[in-house]
């Protein structure tokens, strides 16, 4: 059916996968279930999902490897599912490019809510092509355009998932203003996001890997408080 958003469910537990699919279908999502990492990569190419629900403990290629492979090709939103609840596992998943992390067992209504929240954050809002509506910030050798979700760094485009770009645009729009991690988490991820401030740290780290310090500006850490876009 045209217009339905597609969710790829990757889980080797058939019962869990079917339950997830059932709840998502009730919310008018189209779903496809695969049971291992290799099948997930093939389905990613053939099915072209809008979002991926990815279990970590898969036979053969695990969820971390699948996430790394997909993230190297596209910014498609990924929510990791795992019985592992340690902070290390969550941070590793986020560092590899996951957009959210849900521990098993989970409440099905919460999972659906998170799917909807991630899709909202990852879908750019269409704007009329009028110059007055263009939202962008520009500094020497850096242009961040929120209207068309693009970043130009030293004359070349830089690929970024939506939340990374939104975070960069937000802090760069208020040069030298200090933002706490809680403020950034609330503004970029929204009040409905159930996470912690480590999410902000992980995304700042990824931004710094792509956007290095410039002689006239940089993403600066304000120890004990948060971050700012420092302009000299």
Protein backbone atom coordinates (compact mmCIF):
# COMPACT_ATOMS: atom_id res chain seq x y z
CA UNK A 1 0.00 0.00 0.00
CA UNK A 2 1.44 3.36 -1.06
CA UNK A 3 2.44 5.72 1.67
CA UNK A 4 3.08 3.10 4.35
CA UNK A 5 6.39 3.39 6.15
CA UNK A 6 8.42 0.20 6.05
CA UNK A 7 10.04 -1.38 9.12
CA UNK A 8 12.66 -4.11 8.78
CA UNK A 9 12.62 -6.42 11.82
CA UNK A 10 15.84 -8.37 12.37
CA UNK A 11 15.52 -10.97 15.15
CA UNK A 12 16.29 -14.69 15.32
CA UNK A 13 13.47 -15.22 17.83
CA UNK A 14 10.49 -15.82 15.56
CA UNK A 15 7.93 -15.30 18.33
CA UNK A 16 9.30 -11.89 19.33
CA UNK A 17 9.60 -10.82 15.70
CA UNK A 18 5.99 -11.80 14.98
CA UNK A 19 4.70 -9.93 18.04
CA UNK A 20 6.61 -6.79 17.02
CA UNK A 21 5.30 -7.10 13.47
CA UNK A 22 1.72 -7.51 14.73
CA UNK A 23 1.84 -4.34 16.81
CA UNK A 24 3.46 -2.33 14.01
CA UNK A 25 0.94 -3.59 11.46
CA UNK A 26 -1.87 -2.40 13.74
CA UNK A 27 -0.27 1.06 13.58
CA UNK A 28 -0.35 0.89 9.76
CA UNK A 29 3.35 0.15 9.23
CA UNK A 30 4.50 -2.32 6.60
CA UNK A 31 6.95 -4.88 8.04
CA UNK A 32 9.44 -7.47 6.86
CA UNK A 33 11.03 -10.05 9.18
CA UNK A 34 14.48 -11.59 8.68
CA UNK A 35 16.34 -13.82 11.11
CA UNK A 36 20.07 -13.24 10.62
CA UNK A 37 22.64 -10.59 9.73
CA UNK A 38 23.30 -11.63 6.14
CA UNK A 39 19.58 -11.63 5.37
CA UNK A 40 19.30 -8.23 7.02
CA UNK A 41 21.87 -6.67 4.68
CA UNK A 42 20.15 -8.15 1.63
CA UNK A 43 16.72 -7.00 2.84
CA UNK A 44 18.12 -3.53 3.49
CA UNK A 45 19.00 -3.26 -0.20
CA UNK A 46 15.85 -4.90 -1.59
CA UNK A 47 13.20 -3.70 0.87
CA UNK A 48 14.59 -0.16 1.42
CA UNK A 49 13.10 0.24 4.92
CA UNK A 50 12.37 3.57 6.59
CA UNK A 51 13.61 2.14 9.92
CA UNK A 52 15.34 -1.01 11.16
CA UNK A 53 14.67 -2.84 14.44
CA UNK A 54 17.91 -4.75 14.96
CA UNK A 55 18.55 -7.47 17.55
CA UNK A 56 22.16 -7.64 18.72
CA UNK A 57 22.43 -11.40 19.33
CA UNK A 58 22.12 -12.84 15.83
CA UNK A 59 23.59 -16.05 14.38
CA UNK A 60 26.69 -15.43 12.29
CA UNK A 61 27.01 -11.70 11.76
CA UNK A 62 25.87 -9.96 14.95
CA UNK A 63 23.83 -6.77 15.24
CA UNK A 64 26.87 -4.57 15.79
CA UNK A 65 28.37 -5.71 12.48
CA UNK A 66 25.06 -5.25 10.67
CA UNK A 67 24.72 -1.74 12.10
CA UNK A 68 28.25 -0.84 11.02
CA UNK A 69 27.63 -2.11 7.47
CA UNK A 70 24.33 -0.29 7.07
CA UNK A 71 25.58 2.95 8.59
CA UNK A 72 28.50 3.01 6.13
CA UNK A 73 25.94 3.11 3.29
CA UNK A 74 23.00 5.17 4.53
CA UNK A 75 21.58 7.16 7.49
CA UNK A 76 18.52 4.88 7.78
CA UNK A 77 17.32 4.99 11.43
CA UNK A 78 18.27 1.93 13.51
CA UNK A 79 16.83 0.93 16.88
CA UNK A 80 18.83 -1.81 18.58
CA UNK A 81 17.06 -4.51 20.62
CA UNK A 82 18.99 -6.45 23.23
CA UNK A 83 18.80 -8.31 26.52
CA UNK A 84 22.15 -6.70 27.34
CA UNK A 85 21.49 -3.69 29.53
CA UNK A 86 25.03 -2.61 30.41
CA UNK A 87 26.03 0.99 29.66
CA UNK A 88 28.97 -0.31 27.57
CA UNK A 89 26.63 -2.13 25.20
CA UNK A 90 24.36 0.91 24.83
CA UNK A 91 27.24 3.31 24.19
CA UNK A 92 28.86 0.93 21.70
CA UNK A 93 25.58 0.65 19.80
CA UNK A 94 25.19 4.44 19.67
CA UNK A 95 28.80 4.93 18.62
CA UNK A 96 28.25 2.55 15.71
CA UNK A 97 25.36 4.73 14.56
CA UNK A 98 22.23 3.37 16.22
CA UNK A 99 19.50 5.95 16.89
CA UNK A 100 18.05 4.28 19.97
CA UNK A 101 18.53 1.21 22.16
CA UNK A 102 15.75 -0.81 23.81
CA UNK A 103 16.32 -3.52 26.41
CA UNK A 104 14.49 -6.83 26.30
CA UNK A 105 11.96 -7.60 27.59
CA UNK A 106 10.18 -4.44 26.46
CA UNK A 107 6.64 -3.16 26.46
CA UNK A 108 5.19 -3.34 22.95
CA UNK A 109 3.46 0.04 23.29
CA UNK A 110 6.73 1.65 24.31
CA UNK A 111 8.49 0.09 21.31
CA UNK A 112 5.85 1.45 18.93
CA UNK A 113 6.14 4.89 20.56
CA UNK A 114 9.90 4.88 20.12
CA UNK A 115 9.60 3.80 16.49
CA UNK A 116 7.28 6.72 15.83
CA UNK A 117 9.54 9.13 17.72
CA UNK A 118 12.67 8.08 15.81
CA UNK A 119 10.83 8.32 12.49
CA UNK A 120 9.60 11.83 13.38
CA UNK A 121 13.11 12.95 14.24
CA UNK A 122 14.61 11.35 11.15
CA UNK A 123 12.16 12.69 8.57
CA UNK A 124 12.97 16.23 7.43
CA UNK A 125 9.92 18.49 7.39
CA UNK A 126 9.21 19.68 3.87
CA UNK A 127 9.33 23.43 3.47
CA UNK A 128 8.27 25.69 0.66
CA UNK A 129 11.19 26.49 -1.65
CA UNK A 130 11.32 30.12 -0.72
CA UNK A 131 14.56 31.81 0.16
CA UNK A 132 13.03 33.32 3.30
CA UNK A 133 12.29 29.83 4.62
CA UNK A 134 15.85 28.51 4.30
CA UNK A 135 17.31 27.66 7.69
CA UNK A 136 21.09 27.64 7.58
CA UNK A 137 24.16 28.83 9.44
CA UNK A 138 27.48 29.60 7.81
CA UNK A 139 31.01 30.02 9.10
CA UNK A 140 34.36 29.98 7.29
CA UNK A 141 34.58 26.60 5.50
CA UNK A 142 31.32 25.35 7.04
CA UNK A 143 27.69 25.58 5.88
CA UNK A 144 24.93 23.78 7.78
CA UNK A 145 21.56 23.81 6.00
CA UNK A 146 18.64 22.50 8.03
CA UNK A 147 16.14 23.04 5.20
CA UNK A 148 17.65 20.41 2.92
CA UNK A 149 19.63 18.60 5.64
CA UNK A 150 23.06 19.17 4.16
CA UNK A 151 26.48 20.05 5.52
CA UNK A 152 29.24 21.50 3.36
CA UNK A 153 32.68 21.37 4.98
CA UNK A 154 35.68 22.84 3.12
CA UNK A 155 33.63 22.77 -0.07
CA UNK A 156 32.60 19.10 0.16
CA UNK A 157 29.35 17.52 1.41
CA UNK A 158 29.50 15.58 4.67
CA UNK A 159 27.07 12.71 5.25
CA UNK A 160 25.30 12.93 8.61
CA UNK A 161 22.30 11.21 10.18
CA UNK A 162 19.48 13.70 10.86
CA UNK A 163 20.08 14.02 14.61
CA UNK A 164 23.78 14.76 14.18
CA UNK A 165 22.95 17.51 11.73
CA UNK A 166 20.20 18.93 13.94
CA UNK A 167 22.59 18.98 16.91
CA UNK A 168 25.28 20.77 14.90
CA UNK A 169 22.79 23.29 13.53
CA UNK A 170 21.33 23.97 16.97
CA UNK A 171 24.60 24.76 18.71
CA UNK A 172 26.05 26.59 15.69
CA UNK A 173 22.95 28.81 15.57
CA UNK A 174 23.89 30.21 18.98
CA UNK A 175 27.66 30.78 18.87
CA UNK A 176 29.46 30.81 22.23
CA UNK A 177 26.28 29.90 24.12
CA UNK A 178 26.74 27.04 26.56
CA UNK A 179 24.15 24.26 26.50
CA UNK A 180 23.84 21.57 29.15
CA UNK A 181 23.55 17.98 28.05
CA UNK A 182 19.99 17.93 29.38
CA UNK A 183 19.06 20.97 27.25
CA UNK A 184 20.50 19.36 24.12
CA UNK A 185 18.83 16.03 24.87
CA UNK A 186 15.48 17.74 25.33
CA UNK A 187 15.74 19.94 22.23
CA UNK A 188 17.12 17.38 19.75
CA UNK A 189 15.55 14.17 21.02
CA UNK A 190 12.44 15.60 22.63
CA UNK A 191 10.70 14.99 25.92
CA UNK A 192 9.40 11.60 24.77
CA UNK A 193 12.93 10.23 24.37
CA UNK A 194 13.80 7.78 27.14
CA UNK A 195 17.56 7.94 27.29
CA UNK A 196 20.44 9.52 29.15
CA UNK A 197 22.94 12.30 28.53
CA UNK A 198 25.55 9.84 27.22
CA UNK A 199 23.57 9.99 23.97
CA UNK A 200 24.63 13.64 23.60
CA UNK A 201 28.28 12.80 24.30
CA UNK A 202 28.26 10.06 21.67
CA UNK A 203 26.79 12.36 19.00
CA UNK A 204 29.23 15.17 19.83
CA UNK A 205 32.06 12.66 19.46
CA UNK A 206 30.78 11.62 16.03
CA UNK A 207 30.46 15.28 14.97
CA UNK A 208 34.05 15.97 15.99
CA UNK A 209 35.24 13.04 13.92
CA UNK A 210 33.63 14.59 10.83
CA UNK A 211 34.02 18.31 11.61
CA UNK A 212 37.49 19.09 12.95
CA UNK A 213 38.43 22.20 14.94
CA UNK A 214 38.83 25.26 12.73
CA UNK A 215 41.11 28.18 13.45
CA UNK A 216 38.02 30.40 13.75
CA UNK A 217 35.52 28.02 15.35
CA UNK A 218 35.17 24.67 17.08
CA UNK A 219 32.83 22.45 19.08
CA UNK A 220 34.02 23.07 22.62
CA UNK A 221 33.46 21.11 25.84
CA UNK A 222 32.52 23.12 28.91
CA UNK A 223 33.62 20.73 31.63
CA UNK A 224 30.95 19.77 34.12
CA UNK A 225 28.24 21.57 32.14
CA UNK A 226 27.96 20.65 28.44
CA UNK A 227 29.01 22.03 25.07
CA UNK A 228 29.12 25.17 22.95
CA UNK A 229 29.97 26.18 19.39
CA UNK A 230 32.95 28.42 20.12
CA UNK A 231 33.66 31.22 17.65
CA UNK A 232 36.84 33.27 17.93
